[in-house]
Amino acid sequence: MRGAPLDWDAERVRSFLAAHYPSAYPVIKSLAPEIHGRSGTGIVVFLDAAPLPGALQTGLSWRIPLPKPETNHPARDEYLTLDDDFHSITTLFAPPSDDYRVE
């Protein structure tokens, strides 16, 4: 999964997916900020692997439109993207900043 808003935690991502696909039973296994710092990425497992109605399928990916921010400025469409596989380097875990130690 990629494109999660940075202010969403794992429960917010799970509830967003569950609201759209309640019969799929999403479980978030990991969620971490992408290296570019604009969105989050992680692993989501669907206990029922049924097709995702309403999602835009492109190849092995599904794009689910994210809610528009409540501002007066028009925003470009943003999506939560679900992939069947990983490509290149994927952030799977980022420890909290309190856990970093520099020696």
PDB file of N, CA and C in Angstrom:
ATOM      1  N   MET A   1       0.840  -1.149   0.000  1.00  0.00           N
ATOM      2  CA  MET A   1       0.000   0.000   0.000  1.00  0.00           C
ATOM      3  C   MET A   1       0.898   1.228   0.000  1.00  0.00           C
ATOM      4  N   ARG A   2       0.552   2.230  -0.821  1.00  0.00           N
ATOM      5  CA  ARG A   2       1.296   3.486  -0.843  1.00  0.00           C
ATOM      6  C   ARG A   2       0.333   4.654  -0.947  1.00  0.00           C
ATOM      7  N   GLY A   3       0.807   5.821  -0.570  1.00  0.00           N
ATOM      8  CA  GLY A   3       0.013   7.035  -0.704  1.00  0.00           C
ATOM      9  C   GLY A   3      -0.822   7.393   0.507  1.00  0.00           C
ATOM     10  N   ALA A   4      -0.588   6.747   1.644  1.00  0.00           N
ATOM     11  CA  ALA A   4      -1.346   7.074   2.858  1.00  0.00           C
ATOM     12  C   ALA A   4      -0.948   8.470   3.341  1.00  0.00           C
ATOM     13  N   PRO A   5      -1.920   9.316   3.685  1.00  0.00           N
ATOM     14  CA  PRO A   5      -1.562  10.630   4.227  1.00  0.00           C
ATOM     15  C   PRO A   5      -0.683  10.485   5.465  1.00  0.00           C
ATOM     16  N   LEU A   6       0.269  11.372   5.614  1.00  0.00           N
ATOM     17  CA  LEU A   6       1.227  11.286   6.724  1.00  0.00           C
ATOM     18  C   LEU A   6       0.569  11.402   8.089  1.00  0.00           C
ATOM     19  N   ASP A   7      -0.568  12.083   8.165  1.00  0.00           N
ATOM     20  CA  ASP A   7      -1.219  12.228   9.465  1.00  0.00           C
ATOM     21  C   ASP A   7      -2.141  11.051   9.800  1.00  0.00           C
ATOM     22  N   TRP A   8      -2.183  10.032   8.950  1.00  0.00           N
ATOM     23  CA  TRP A   8      -2.980   8.836   9.231  1.00  0.00           C
ATOM     24  C   TRP A   8      -2.102   7.797   9.913  1.00  0.00           C
ATOM     25  N   ASP A   9      -2.611   7.209  10.994  1.00  0.00           N
ATOM     26  CA  ASP A   9      -1.926   6.078  11.610  1.00  0.00           C
ATOM     27  C   ASP A   9      -2.517   4.787  11.037  1.00  0.00           C
ATOM     28  N   ALA A  10      -2.006   3.652  11.503  1.00  0.00           N
ATOM     29  CA  ALA A  10      -2.446   2.358  10.962  1.00  0.00           C
ATOM     30  C   ALA A  10      -3.949   2.147  11.157  1.00  0.00           C
ATOM     31  N   GLU A  11      -4.489   2.572  12.283  1.00  0.00           N
ATOM     32  CA  GLU A  11      -5.927   2.405  12.534  1.00  0.00           C
ATOM     33  C   GLU A  11      -6.761   3.252  11.582  1.00  0.00           C
ATOM     34  N   ARG A  12      -6.297   4.459  11.264  1.00  0.00           N
ATOM     35  CA  ARG A  12      -7.028   5.326  10.324  1.00  0.00           C
ATOM     36  C   ARG A  12      -7.020   4.720   8.925  1.00  0.00           C
ATOM     37  N   VAL A  13      -5.902   4.157   8.505  1.00  0.00           N
ATOM     38  CA  VAL A  13      -5.838   3.496   7.202  1.00  0.00           C
ATOM     39  C   VAL A  13      -6.774   2.281   7.192  1.00  0.00           C
ATOM     40  N   ARG A  14      -6.728   1.481   8.270  1.00  0.00           N
ATOM     41  CA  ARG A  14      -7.591   0.302   8.350  1.00  0.00           C
ATOM     42  C   ARG A  14      -9.069   0.691   8.297  1.00  0.00           C
ATOM     43  N   SER A  15      -9.448   1.731   9.062  1.00  0.00           N
ATOM     44  CA  SER A  15     -10.852   2.125   9.081  1.00  0.00           C
ATOM     45  C   SER A  15     -11.294   2.699   7.732  1.00  0.00           C
ATOM     46  N   PHE A  16     -10.403   3.415   7.031  1.00  0.00           N
ATOM     47  CA  PHE A  16     -10.707   3.921   5.691  1.00  0.00           C
ATOM     48  C   PHE A  16     -10.976   2.758   4.736  1.00  0.00           C
ATOM     49  N   LEU A  17     -10.085   1.768   4.758  1.00  0.00           N
ATOM     50  CA  LEU A  17     -10.273   0.598   3.886  1.00  0.00           C
ATOM     51  C   LEU A  17     -11.508  -0.203   4.288  1.00  0.00           C
ATOM     52  N   ALA A  18     -11.739  -0.365   5.594  1.00  0.00           N
ATOM     53  CA  ALA A  18     -12.899  -1.122   6.065  1.00  0.00           C
ATOM     54  C   ALA A  18     -14.204  -0.417   5.703  1.00  0.00           C
ATOM     55  N   ALA A  19     -14.211   0.909   5.712  1.00  0.00           N
ATOM     56  CA  ALA A  19     -15.412   1.654   5.334  1.00  0.00           C
ATOM     57  C   ALA A  19     -15.754   1.446   3.865  1.00  0.00           C
ATOM     58  N   HIS A  20     -14.721   1.322   3.025  1.00  0.00           N
ATOM     59  CA  HIS A  20     -14.936   1.110   1.596  1.00  0.00           C
ATOM     60  C   HIS A  20     -15.169  -0.354   1.243  1.00  0.00           C
ATOM     61  N   TYR A  21     -14.529  -1.260   1.983  1.00  0.00           N
ATOM     62  CA  TYR A  21     -14.579  -2.691   1.675  1.00  0.00           C
ATOM     63  C   TYR A  21     -14.782  -3.496   2.954  1.00  0.00           C
ATOM     64  N   PRO A  22     -15.950  -3.373   3.601  1.00  0.00           N
ATOM     65  CA  PRO A  22     -16.151  -4.025   4.899  1.00  0.00           C
ATOM     66  C   PRO A  22     -16.028  -5.544   4.852  1.00  0.00           C
ATOM     67  N   SER A  23     -16.349  -6.169   3.738  1.00  0.00           N
ATOM     68  CA  SER A  23     -16.279  -7.630   3.684  1.00  0.00           C
ATOM     69  C   SER A  23     -14.868  -8.146   3.433  1.00  0.00           C
ATOM     70  N   ALA A  24     -13.905  -7.247   3.158  1.00  0.00           N
ATOM     71  CA  ALA A  24     -12.531  -7.670   2.878  1.00  0.00           C
ATOM     72  C   ALA A  24     -11.706  -7.835   4.152  1.00  0.00           C
ATOM     73  N   TYR A  25     -12.139  -7.242   5.267  1.00  0.00           N
ATOM     74  CA  TYR A  25     -11.457  -7.347   6.556  1.00  0.00           C
ATOM     75  C   TYR A  25      -9.968  -6.979   6.456  1.00  0.00           C
ATOM     76  N   PRO A  26      -9.654  -5.691   6.206  1.00  0.00           N
ATOM     77  CA  PRO A  26      -8.239  -5.295   6.088  1.00  0.00           C
ATOM     78  C   PRO A  26      -7.514  -5.351   7.428  1.00  0.00           C
ATOM     79  N   VAL A  27      -6.263  -5.795   7.389  1.00  0.00           N
ATOM     80  CA  VAL A  27      -5.380  -5.818   8.552  1.00  0.00           C
ATOM     81  C   VAL A  27      -4.098  -5.104   8.142  1.00  0.00           C
ATOM     82  N   ILE A  28      -3.723  -4.058   8.886  1.00  0.00           N
ATOM     83  CA  ILE A  28      -2.502  -3.312   8.580  1.00  0.00           C
ATOM     84  C   ILE A  28      -1.346  -3.984   9.314  1.00  0.00           C
ATOM     85  N   LYS A  29      -0.359  -4.451   8.556  1.00  0.00           N
ATOM     86  CA  LYS A  29       0.806  -5.124   9.135  1.00  0.00           C
ATOM     87  C   LYS A  29       1.945  -4.149   9.427  1.00  0.00           C
ATOM     88  N   SER A  30       2.056  -3.081   8.635  1.00  0.00           N
ATOM     89  CA  SER A  30       3.084  -2.070   8.867  1.00  0.00           C
ATOM     90  C   SER A  30       2.654  -0.780   8.192  1.00  0.00           C
ATOM     91  N   LEU A  31       3.187   0.330   8.690  1.00  0.00           N
ATOM     92  CA  LEU A  31       2.949   1.639   8.090  1.00  0.00           C
ATOM     93  C   LEU A  31       4.127   2.529   8.468  1.00  0.00           C
ATOM     94  N   ALA A  32       4.749   3.138   7.467  1.00  0.00           N
ATOM     95  CA  ALA A  32       5.925   3.979   7.701  1.00  0.00           C
ATOM     96  C   ALA A  32       5.943   5.097   6.666  1.00  0.00           C
ATOM     97  N   PRO A  33       6.586   6.228   6.988  1.00  0.00           N
ATOM     98  CA  PRO A  33       6.699   7.303   5.998  1.00  0.00           C
ATOM     99  C   PRO A  33       7.636   6.901   4.865  1.00  0.00           C
ATOM    100  N   GLU A  34       7.267   7.313   3.656  1.00  0.00           N
ATOM    101  CA  GLU A  34       8.128   7.088   2.493  1.00  0.00           C
ATOM    102  C   GLU A  34       9.383   7.947   2.621  1.00  0.00           C
ATOM    103  N   ILE A  35      10.420   7.578   1.929  1.00  0.00           N
ATOM    104  CA  ILE A  35      11.689   8.300   1.978  1.00  0.00           C
ATOM    105  C   ILE A  35      11.528   9.740   1.494  1.00  0.00           C
ATOM    106  N   HIS A  36      10.587   9.995   0.569  1.00  0.00           N
ATOM    107  CA  HIS A  36      10.373  11.353   0.057  1.00  0.00           C
ATOM    108  C   HIS A  36       9.601  12.220   1.048  1.00  0.00           C
ATOM    109  N   GLY A  37       8.986  11.616   2.076  1.00  0.00           N
ATOM    110  CA  GLY A  37       8.331  12.359   3.138  1.00  0.00           C
ATOM    111  C   GLY A  37       6.971  12.949   2.812  1.00  0.00           C
ATOM    112  N   ARG A  38       6.366  12.583   1.684  1.00  0.00           N
ATOM    113  CA  ARG A  38       5.065  13.141   1.311  1.00  0.00           C
ATOM    114  C   ARG A  38       3.894  12.222   1.635  1.00  0.00           C
ATOM    115  N   SER A  39       4.154  10.934   1.884  1.00  0.00           N
ATOM    116  CA  SER A  39       3.078   9.983   2.157  1.00  0.00           C
ATOM    117  C   SER A  39       3.640   8.771   2.890  1.00  0.00           C
ATOM    118  N   GLY A  40       2.738   7.895   3.298  1.00  0.00           N
ATOM    119  CA  GLY A  40       3.140   6.677   3.983  1.00  0.00           C
ATOM    120  C   GLY A  40       2.975   5.456   3.103  1.00  0.00           C
ATOM    121  N   THR A  41       3.668   4.412   3.469  1.00  0.00           N
ATOM    122  CA  THR A  41       3.582   3.145   2.757  1.00  0.00           C
ATOM    123  C   THR A  41       3.557   2.026   3.783  1.00  0.00           C
ATOM    124  N   GLY A  42       3.073   0.877   3.398  1.00  0.00           N
ATOM    125  CA  GLY A  42       3.039  -0.233   4.332  1.00  0.00           C
ATOM    126  C   GLY A  42       2.465  -1.484   3.723  1.00  0.00           C
ATOM    127  N   ILE A  43       2.172  -2.425   4.596  1.00  0.00           N
ATOM    128  CA  ILE A  43       1.612  -3.706   4.167  1.00  0.00           C
ATOM    129  C   ILE A  43       0.210  -3.829   4.744  1.00  0.00           C
ATOM    130  N   VAL A  44      -0.739  -4.115   3.874  1.00  0.00           N
ATOM    131  CA  VAL A  44      -2.107  -4.406   4.293  1.00  0.00           C
ATOM    132  C   VAL A  44      -2.468  -5.783   3.745  1.00  0.00           C
ATOM    133  N   VAL A  45      -3.113  -6.561   4.577  1.00  0.00           N
ATOM    134  CA  VAL A  45      -3.566  -7.894   4.177  1.00  0.00           C
ATOM    135  C   VAL A  45      -5.088  -7.890   4.256  1.00  0.00           C
ATOM    136  N   PHE A  46      -5.722  -8.381   3.212  1.00  0.00           N
ATOM    137  CA  PHE A  46      -7.172  -8.531   3.215  1.00  0.00           C
ATOM    138  C   PHE A  46      -7.487  -9.987   3.501  1.00  0.00           C
ATOM    139  N   LEU A  47      -8.270 -10.225   4.549  1.00  0.00           N
ATOM    140  CA  LEU A  47      -8.597 -11.604   4.907  1.00  0.00           C
ATOM    141  C   LEU A  47      -9.508 -12.243   3.874  1.00  0.00           C
ATOM    142  N   ASP A  48     -10.258 -11.427   3.141  1.00  0.00           N
ATOM    143  CA  ASP A  48     -11.047 -11.911   2.014  1.00  0.00           C
ATOM    144  C   ASP A  48     -10.508 -11.198   0.787  1.00  0.00           C
ATOM    145  N   ALA A  49      -9.916 -11.906  -0.112  1.00  0.00           N
ATOM    146  CA  ALA A  49      -9.239 -11.305  -1.263  1.00  0.00           C
ATOM    147  C   ALA A  49     -10.185 -11.041  -2.430  1.00  0.00           C
ATOM    148  N   ALA A  50     -11.416 -10.653  -2.136  1.00  0.00           N
ATOM    149  CA  ALA A  50     -12.381 -10.346  -3.193  1.00  0.00           C
ATOM    150  C   ALA A  50     -11.953  -9.083  -3.933  1.00  0.00           C
ATOM    151  N   PRO A  51     -12.426  -8.904  -5.167  1.00  0.00           N
ATOM    152  CA  PRO A  51     -12.112  -7.669  -5.895  1.00  0.00           C
ATOM    153  C   PRO A  51     -12.592  -6.449  -5.116  1.00  0.00           C
ATOM    154  N   LEU A  52     -11.948  -5.314  -5.329  1.00  0.00           N
ATOM    155  CA  LEU A  52     -12.276  -4.093  -4.609  1.00  0.00           C
ATOM    156  C   LEU A  52     -13.181  -3.222  -5.480  1.00  0.00           C
ATOM    157  N   PRO A  53     -14.508  -3.272  -5.259  1.00  0.00           N
ATOM    158  CA  PRO A  53     -15.414  -2.479  -6.093  1.00  0.00           C
ATOM    159  C   PRO A  53     -15.166  -0.990  -5.906  1.00  0.00           C
ATOM    160  N   GLY A  54     -15.185  -0.239  -6.998  1.00  0.00           N
ATOM    161  CA  GLY A  54     -14.986   1.205  -6.932  1.00  0.00           C
ATOM    162  C   GLY A  54     -13.539   1.636  -7.029  1.00  0.00           C
ATOM    163  N   ALA A  55     -12.604   0.717  -6.847  1.00  0.00           N
ATOM    164  CA  ALA A  55     -11.184   1.054  -6.975  1.00  0.00           C
ATOM    165  C   ALA A  55     -10.813   1.017  -8.451  1.00  0.00           C
ATOM    166  N   LEU A  56      -9.914   1.894  -8.841  1.00  0.00           N
ATOM    167  CA  LEU A  56      -9.445   1.925 -10.221  1.00  0.00           C
ATOM    168  C   LEU A  56      -8.287   0.964 -10.370  1.00  0.00           C
ATOM    169  N   GLN A  57      -8.441  -0.059 -11.209  1.00  0.00           N
ATOM    170  CA  GLN A  57      -7.365  -1.040 -11.367  1.00  0.00           C
ATOM    171  C   GLN A  57      -6.481  -0.648 -12.538  1.00  0.00           C
ATOM    172  N   THR A  58      -5.178  -0.619 -12.284  1.00  0.00           N
ATOM    173  CA  THR A  58      -4.186  -0.379 -13.325  1.00  0.00           C
ATOM    174  C   THR A  58      -3.110  -1.446 -13.180  1.00  0.00           C
ATOM    175  N   GLY A  59      -3.103  -2.411 -14.055  1.00  0.00           N
ATOM    176  CA  GLY A  59      -2.142  -3.507 -13.953  1.00  0.00           C
ATOM    177  C   GLY A  59      -2.386  -4.316 -12.701  1.00  0.00           C
ATOM    178  N   LEU A  60      -1.366  -4.409 -11.842  1.00  0.00           N
ATOM    179  CA  LEU A  60      -1.486  -5.143 -10.590  1.00  0.00           C
ATOM    180  C   LEU A  60      -1.774  -4.225  -9.410  1.00  0.00           C
ATOM    181  N   SER A  61      -2.183  -2.986  -9.676  1.00  0.00           N
ATOM    182  CA  SER A  61      -2.457  -2.012  -8.622  1.00  0.00           C
ATOM    183  C   SER A  61      -3.919  -1.594  -8.646  1.00  0.00           C
ATOM    184  N   TRP A  62      -4.390  -1.202  -7.464  1.00  0.00           N
ATOM    185  CA  TRP A  62      -5.715  -0.628  -7.329  1.00  0.00           C
ATOM    186  C   TRP A  62      -5.552   0.731  -6.682  1.00  0.00           C
ATOM    187  N   ARG A  63      -6.237   1.751  -7.219  1.00  0.00           N
ATOM    188  CA  ARG A  63      -6.160   3.099  -6.665  1.00  0.00           C
ATOM    189  C   ARG A  63      -7.518   3.466  -6.078  1.00  0.00           C
ATOM    190  N   ILE A  64      -7.506   3.860  -4.803  1.00  0.00           N
ATOM    191  CA  ILE A  64      -8.720   4.236  -4.099  1.00  0.00           C
ATOM    192  C   ILE A  64      -8.647   5.736  -3.824  1.00  0.00           C
ATOM    193  N   PRO A  65      -9.608   6.520  -4.319  1.00  0.00           N
ATOM    194  CA  PRO A  65      -9.556   7.970  -4.097  1.00  0.00           C
ATOM    195  C   PRO A  65      -9.601   8.313  -2.611  1.00  0.00           C
ATOM    196  N   LEU A  66      -8.705   9.213  -2.194  1.00  0.00           N
ATOM    197  CA  LEU A  66      -8.676   9.701  -0.816  1.00  0.00           C
ATOM    198  C   LEU A  66      -9.624  10.895  -0.694  1.00  0.00           C
ATOM    199  N   PRO A  67     -10.149  11.148   0.511  1.00  0.00           N
ATOM    200  CA  PRO A  67     -11.015  12.320   0.692  1.00  0.00           C
ATOM    201  C   PRO A  67     -10.250  13.604   0.400  1.00  0.00           C
ATOM    202  N   LYS A  68     -10.953  14.563  -0.169  1.00  0.00           N
ATOM    203  CA  LYS A  68     -10.346  15.866  -0.456  1.00  0.00           C
ATOM    204  C   LYS A  68     -10.196  16.652   0.843  1.00  0.00           C
ATOM    205  N   PRO A  69      -9.086  17.394   1.000  1.00  0.00           N
ATOM    206  CA  PRO A  69      -8.940  18.221   2.200  1.00  0.00           C
ATOM    207  C   PRO A  69      -9.986  19.339   2.199  1.00  0.00           C
ATOM    208  N   GLU A  70     -10.386  19.760   3.378  1.00  0.00           N
ATOM    209  CA  GLU A  70     -11.393  20.808   3.498  1.00  0.00           C
ATOM    210  C   GLU A  70     -10.716  22.180   3.462  1.00  0.00           C
ATOM    211  N   THR A  71     -10.388  22.634   2.254  1.00  0.00           N
ATOM    212  CA  THR A  71      -9.785  23.950   2.063  1.00  0.00           C
ATOM    213  C   THR A  71     -10.511  24.646   0.932  1.00  0.00           C
ATOM    214  N   ASN A  72     -10.252  25.920   0.786  1.00  0.00           N
ATOM    215  CA  ASN A  72     -10.862  26.689  -0.304  1.00  0.00           C
ATOM    216  C   ASN A  72     -10.118  26.508  -1.616  1.00  0.00           C
ATOM    217  N   HIS A  73      -8.917  25.915  -1.530  1.00  0.00           N
ATOM    218  CA  HIS A  73      -8.103  25.742  -2.733  1.00  0.00           C
ATOM    219  C   HIS A  73      -8.378  24.376  -3.353  1.00  0.00           C
ATOM    220  N   PRO A  74      -8.592  24.340  -4.656  1.00  0.00           N
ATOM    221  CA  PRO A  74      -8.784  23.024  -5.279  1.00  0.00           C
ATOM    222  C   PRO A  74      -7.517  22.190  -5.178  1.00  0.00           C
ATOM    223  N   ALA A  75      -7.677  20.939  -4.810  1.00  0.00           N
ATOM    224  CA  ALA A  75      -6.531  20.041  -4.663  1.00  0.00           C
ATOM    225  C   ALA A  75      -6.585  18.991  -5.765  1.00  0.00           C
ATOM    226  N   ARG A  76      -5.417  18.519  -6.150  1.00  0.00           N
ATOM    227  CA  ARG A  76      -5.387  17.439  -7.141  1.00  0.00           C
ATOM    228  C   ARG A  76      -5.864  16.158  -6.475  1.00  0.00           C
ATOM    229  N   ASP A  77      -6.368  15.246  -7.274  1.00  0.00           N
ATOM    230  CA  ASP A  77      -6.833  13.969  -6.743  1.00  0.00           C
ATOM    231  C   ASP A  77      -5.658  13.187  -6.175  1.00  0.00           C
ATOM    232  N   GLU A  78      -5.860  12.591  -5.013  1.00  0.00           N
ATOM    233  CA  GLU A  78      -4.846  11.741  -4.398  1.00  0.00           C
ATOM    234  C   GLU A  78      -5.468  10.379  -4.133  1.00  0.00           C
ATOM    235  N   TYR A  79      -4.632   9.350  -4.166  1.00  0.00           N
ATOM    236  CA  TYR A  79      -5.116   7.981  -4.066  1.00  0.00           C
ATOM    237  C   TYR A  79      -4.296   7.174  -3.074  1.00  0.00           C
ATOM    238  N   LEU A  80      -4.952   6.204  -2.457  1.00  0.00           N
ATOM    239  CA  LEU A  80      -4.268   5.156  -1.724  1.00  0.00           C
ATOM    240  C   LEU A  80      -4.103   4.031  -2.735  1.00  0.00           C
ATOM    241  N   THR A  81      -2.885   3.607  -2.982  1.00  0.00           N
ATOM    242  CA  THR A  81      -2.616   2.602  -4.002  1.00  0.00           C
ATOM    243  C   THR A  81      -2.281   1.275  -3.350  1.00  0.00           C
ATOM    244  N   LEU A  82      -2.963   0.234  -3.783  1.00  0.00           N
ATOM    245  CA  LEU A  82      -2.707  -1.123  -3.300  1.00  0.00           C
ATOM    246  C   LEU A  82      -2.023  -1.892  -4.416  1.00  0.00           C
ATOM    247  N   ASP A  83      -0.885  -2.511  -4.101  1.00  0.00           N
ATOM    248  CA  ASP A  83      -0.111  -3.282  -5.074  1.00  0.00           C
ATOM    249  C   ASP A  83      -0.113  -4.750  -4.687  1.00  0.00           C
ATOM    250  N   ASP A  84      -0.046  -5.614  -5.693  1.00  0.00           N
ATOM    251  CA  ASP A  84       0.075  -7.053  -5.440  1.00  0.00           C
ATOM    252  C   ASP A  84       1.511  -7.464  -5.136  1.00  0.00           C
ATOM    253  N   ASP A  85       2.454  -6.595  -5.446  1.00  0.00           N
ATOM    254  CA  ASP A  85       3.853  -6.949  -5.220  1.00  0.00           C
ATOM    255  C   ASP A  85       4.662  -5.683  -4.946  1.00  0.00           C
ATOM    256  N   PHE A  86       5.901  -5.859  -4.519  1.00  0.00           N
ATOM    257  CA  PHE A  86       6.775  -4.738  -4.225  1.00  0.00           C
ATOM    258  C   PHE A  86       7.719  -4.513  -5.396  1.00  0.00           C
ATOM    259  N   HIS A  87       8.046  -3.238  -5.623  1.00  0.00           N
ATOM    260  CA  HIS A  87       9.028  -2.872  -6.641  1.00  0.00           C
ATOM    261  C   HIS A  87      10.071  -1.991  -5.971  1.00  0.00           C
ATOM    262  N   SER A  88      11.299  -2.272  -6.203  1.00  0.00           N
ATOM    263  CA  SER A  88      12.422  -1.488  -5.701  1.00  0.00           C
ATOM    264  C   SER A  88      12.429  -1.464  -4.177  1.00  0.00           C
ATOM    265  N   ILE A  89      12.948  -0.414  -3.590  1.00  0.00           N
ATOM    266  CA  ILE A  89      13.065  -0.326  -2.130  1.00  0.00           C
ATOM    267  C   ILE A  89      11.732   0.129  -1.558  1.00  0.00           C
ATOM    268  N   THR A  90      11.239  -0.577  -0.546  1.00  0.00           N
ATOM    269  CA  THR A  90       9.978  -0.242   0.108  1.00  0.00           C
ATOM    270  C   THR A  90      10.215  -0.116   1.602  1.00  0.00           C
ATOM    271  N   THR A  91       9.844   1.029   2.173  1.00  0.00           N
ATOM    272  CA  THR A  91       9.959   1.231   3.608  1.00  0.00           C
ATOM    273  C   THR A  91       8.906   0.379   4.293  1.00  0.00           C
ATOM    274  N   LEU A  92       9.321  -0.484   5.200  1.00  0.00           N
ATOM    275  CA  LEU A  92       8.366  -1.331   5.905  1.00  0.00           C
ATOM    276  C   LEU A  92       8.240  -0.963   7.372  1.00  0.00           C
ATOM    277  N   PHE A  93       9.236  -0.259   7.917  1.00  0.00           N
ATOM    278  CA  PHE A  93       9.205   0.105   9.325  1.00  0.00           C
ATOM    279  C   PHE A  93      10.079   1.326   9.538  1.00  0.00           C
ATOM    280  N   ALA A  94       9.599   2.251  10.342  1.00  0.00           N
ATOM    281  CA  ALA A  94      10.395   3.412  10.731  1.00  0.00           C
ATOM    282  C   ALA A  94      10.250   3.567  12.235  1.00  0.00           C
ATOM    283  N   PRO A  95      11.316   3.342  13.004  1.00  0.00           N
ATOM    284  CA  PRO A  95      11.201   3.461  14.458  1.00  0.00           C
ATOM    285  C   PRO A  95      10.907   4.896  14.860  1.00  0.00           C
ATOM    286  N   PRO A  96      10.224   5.086  15.992  1.00  0.00           N
ATOM    287  CA  PRO A  96       9.983   6.446  16.485  1.00  0.00           C
ATOM    288  C   PRO A  96      11.304   7.165  16.712  1.00  0.00           C
ATOM    289  N   SER A  97      11.298   8.490  16.589  1.00  0.00           N
ATOM    290  CA  SER A  97      12.544   9.254  16.727  1.00  0.00           C
ATOM    291  C   SER A  97      13.192   9.065  18.092  1.00  0.00           C
ATOM    292  N   ASP A  98      12.423   8.747  19.122  1.00  0.00           N
ATOM    293  CA  ASP A  98      13.005   8.491  20.445  1.00  0.00           C
ATOM    294  C   ASP A  98      13.883   7.237  20.468  1.00  0.00           C
ATOM    295  N   ASP A  99      13.686   6.334  19.507  1.00  0.00           N
ATOM    296  CA  ASP A  99      14.448   5.091  19.458  1.00  0.00           C
ATOM    297  C   ASP A  99      15.777   5.224  18.708  1.00  0.00           C
ATOM    298  N   TYR A 100      16.022   6.384  18.067  1.00  0.00           N
ATOM    299  CA  TYR A 100      17.285   6.561  17.352  1.00  0.00           C
ATOM    300  C   TYR A 100      18.392   6.902  18.334  1.00  0.00           C
ATOM    301  N   ARG A 101      19.566   6.348  18.092  1.00  0.00           N
ATOM    302  CA  ARG A 101      20.751   6.660  18.898  1.00  0.00           C
ATOM    303  C   ARG A 101      21.919   6.926  17.979  1.00  0.00           C
ATOM    304  N   VAL A 102      22.592   8.014  18.211  1.00  0.00           N
ATOM    305  CA  VAL A 102      23.780   8.348  17.432  1.00  0.00           C
ATOM    306  C   VAL A 102      24.978   8.182  18.332  1.00  0.00           C
ATOM    307  N   GLU A 103      25.964   7.439  17.868  1.00  0.00           N
ATOM    308  CA  GLU A 103      27.167   7.207  18.670  1.00  0.00           C
ATOM    309  C   GLU A 103      28.355   7.829  18.027  1.00  0.00           C
TER     310      GLU A 103
END
